[in-house]
Amino acid sequence: MIKKIATSALLASAVTLTGCATSMPVGGLLTDIQLPVGATSNAEASKTGSAKCTSILALVATGDCSMETAKKNGNITSVTHADWKANNILGIIGNYELIVHGN
């Protein structure tokens, strides 16, 4: 009995203390961030386009968050910069958006 409890406690501790390194800030309960993706030396932007994706329970992900789709949606031929938005609640529903700025 004590061996089972010790094993369970060790396993629970290992799972709890194991971290996941990510390239962006992630909240355990809520993630609602906007980050820059990149910039170019092109002139100032006059148009904006976006592309969206959705994730459900981290099991199913749908959508097209590509740069080409965002450019097409904003009628952009020359990109000045791009931003990334992420909104995820408890890992249940995640909404992601690439926003492209350009001309």
Protein backbone atom coordinates (compact mmCIF):
# COMPACT_ATOMS: atom_id res chain seq x y z
CA MET A 1 0.00 0.00 0.00
CA ILE A 2 2.76 2.46 0.95
CA LYS A 3 4.64 1.53 -2.22
CA LYS A 4 1.59 2.39 -4.37
CA ILE A 5 1.14 5.74 -2.60
CA ALA A 6 4.83 6.60 -2.98
CA THR A 7 4.78 5.64 -6.66
CA SER A 8 1.64 7.69 -7.28
CA ALA A 9 3.11 10.70 -5.46
CA LEU A 10 6.34 10.42 -7.44
CA LEU A 11 4.45 10.21 -10.72
CA ALA A 12 2.20 13.16 -9.81
CA SER A 13 5.25 15.22 -8.84
CA ALA A 14 7.03 14.40 -12.10
CA VAL A 15 4.00 15.43 -14.15
CA THR A 16 3.46 18.61 -12.14
CA LEU A 17 7.10 19.74 -12.21
CA THR A 18 7.68 18.95 -15.87
CA GLY A 19 7.56 22.17 -17.86
CA CYS A 20 6.97 22.75 -21.53
CA ALA A 21 9.21 25.33 -23.14
CA THR A 22 7.47 27.36 -25.82
CA SER A 23 8.49 30.17 -28.11
CA MET A 24 5.60 32.31 -26.85
CA PRO A 25 4.03 32.94 -23.45
CA VAL A 26 1.36 30.38 -22.60
CA GLY A 27 -1.07 30.60 -19.69
CA GLY A 28 -2.35 27.41 -18.09
CA LEU A 29 -5.88 28.78 -17.73
CA LEU A 30 -6.02 31.52 -20.36
CA THR A 31 -3.77 32.67 -23.17
CA ASP A 32 -4.73 35.92 -24.85
CA ILE A 33 -1.68 37.44 -26.54
CA GLN A 34 -0.57 39.31 -29.62
CA LEU A 35 3.03 38.95 -30.78
CA PRO A 36 5.04 40.30 -33.69
CA VAL A 37 6.06 37.72 -36.29
CA GLY A 38 8.40 39.80 -38.37
CA ALA A 39 8.99 43.00 -40.29
CA THR A 40 10.52 44.02 -43.59
CA SER A 41 12.15 47.19 -44.87
CA ASN A 42 9.11 47.90 -47.07
CA ALA A 43 7.31 51.25 -46.77
CA GLU A 44 4.42 51.99 -44.43
CA ALA A 45 1.36 49.71 -44.59
CA SER A 46 -2.00 50.85 -45.96
CA LYS A 47 -3.83 47.47 -45.92
CA THR A 48 -4.44 44.66 -43.44
CA GLY A 49 -5.36 41.03 -44.07
CA SER A 50 -5.85 38.10 -41.73
CA ALA A 51 -6.06 34.33 -41.72
CA LYS A 52 -7.63 32.29 -38.90
CA CYS A 53 -7.35 28.80 -37.39
CA THR A 54 -9.19 27.02 -34.56
CA SER A 55 -8.18 24.19 -32.25
CA ILE A 56 -10.60 22.09 -30.20
CA LEU A 57 -9.28 20.15 -27.18
CA ALA A 58 -5.87 20.13 -28.90
CA LEU A 59 -7.27 17.16 -30.82
CA VAL A 60 -8.75 18.82 -33.91
CA ALA A 61 -7.30 21.88 -35.63
CA THR A 62 -8.85 23.52 -38.68
CA GLY A 63 -8.31 26.62 -40.75
CA ASP A 64 -5.62 28.25 -42.85
CA CYS A 65 -3.29 30.61 -40.99
CA SER A 66 -0.84 30.94 -43.85
CA MET A 67 0.83 34.17 -44.91
CA GLU A 68 -0.50 33.70 -48.45
CA THR A 69 -4.11 33.46 -47.25
CA ALA A 70 -3.73 36.56 -45.07
CA LYS A 71 -2.21 38.46 -48.01
CA LYS A 72 -5.05 37.33 -50.30
CA ASN A 73 -7.72 38.30 -47.73
CA GLY A 74 -6.25 41.81 -47.49
CA ASN A 75 -5.43 42.20 -51.19
CA ILE A 76 -1.77 42.68 -50.21
CA THR A 77 1.16 42.18 -52.57
CA SER A 78 3.97 43.68 -50.49
CA VAL A 79 4.16 42.81 -46.76
CA THR A 80 5.55 45.32 -44.25
CA HIS A 81 5.00 43.33 -41.06
CA ALA A 82 2.93 40.55 -39.52
CA ASP A 83 1.46 39.91 -36.07
CA TRP A 84 0.19 36.73 -34.42
CA LYS A 85 -2.80 36.59 -32.07
CA ALA A 86 -3.58 33.61 -29.87
CA ASN A 87 -6.56 33.07 -27.58
CA ASN A 88 -6.89 29.76 -25.78
CA ILE A 89 -9.10 28.94 -22.80
CA LEU A 90 -8.13 25.89 -20.73
CA GLY A 91 -6.89 24.17 -23.88
CA ILE A 92 -10.52 23.58 -24.84
CA ILE A 93 -11.01 26.14 -27.59
CA GLY A 94 -8.11 27.92 -29.26
CA ASN A 95 -8.46 30.73 -31.79
CA TYR A 96 -5.38 31.81 -33.71
CA GLU A 97 -4.96 34.61 -36.23
CA LEU A 98 -2.15 35.81 -38.46
CA ILE A 99 -2.49 39.52 -39.28
CA VAL A 100 -0.49 40.82 -42.22
CA HIS A 101 0.09 44.53 -42.89
CA GLY A 102 1.24 45.83 -46.25
CA ASN A 103 0.32 47.40 -49.57
